[in-house]
């Protein structure tokens, strides 16, 4: 009798274990199914929102940009990128502002910028045809002559773009035209101290007079 009782207990125990295993397995399958369904539902929702967003979204407008060269009496001269509706005062501010020597009465800070334009802020007392330089640099002309530097209007920064012309000689060129008037021909630049025949030959094809 005791043997049968123990056997029955073992069978009952095994049945309980089997029932527990089956129940756990079924529950796990239901959880996996629920998770899978929720995941699919979430993916469908995200996809739907993306499709809706693509239809509703307006094309982004890219602001037009231009590049200009500002030199002269600004704290940091150079080529900068600006918005197409910007004015000279905006470019000057971006370059750190004016120096204490800037002649604000001879430059129109309210003028609109033109792509490829060269804007010069003159020094007080400096004899330079600012307006002529603006027009020359901003008209977009690409011919070879306009690519040359006008020694009658160029500032020191522009003059130093010429090979062999440093701060001292650039200043002498400016002082020469202030004292003697505009150069009548490019050969006259040899009258400036420091510019001999050899240096002139190196720059003659890069300069012009108006």
Foldseek 3Di string as FASTA:
>chain_A
DVVVVVVVVVVVVVVVVVVVVVVVVVVVVVVVVVVVVVVVVVVVVVVVVVVVCVVPDDDDDDFDKAWEWEDAFAPATGIDIDTQFDFQLVVSVVRPHGHPQFDPVPADRGHGDAHQFYAYGYGVPFDAPRVVNRCLRRPPDDDQVSQAAALRHDALVVVVVQPPRDNVQRVQSRVCCSVPNGDPWLVCSCVGPPDHPVSCVRCVSRYTHD
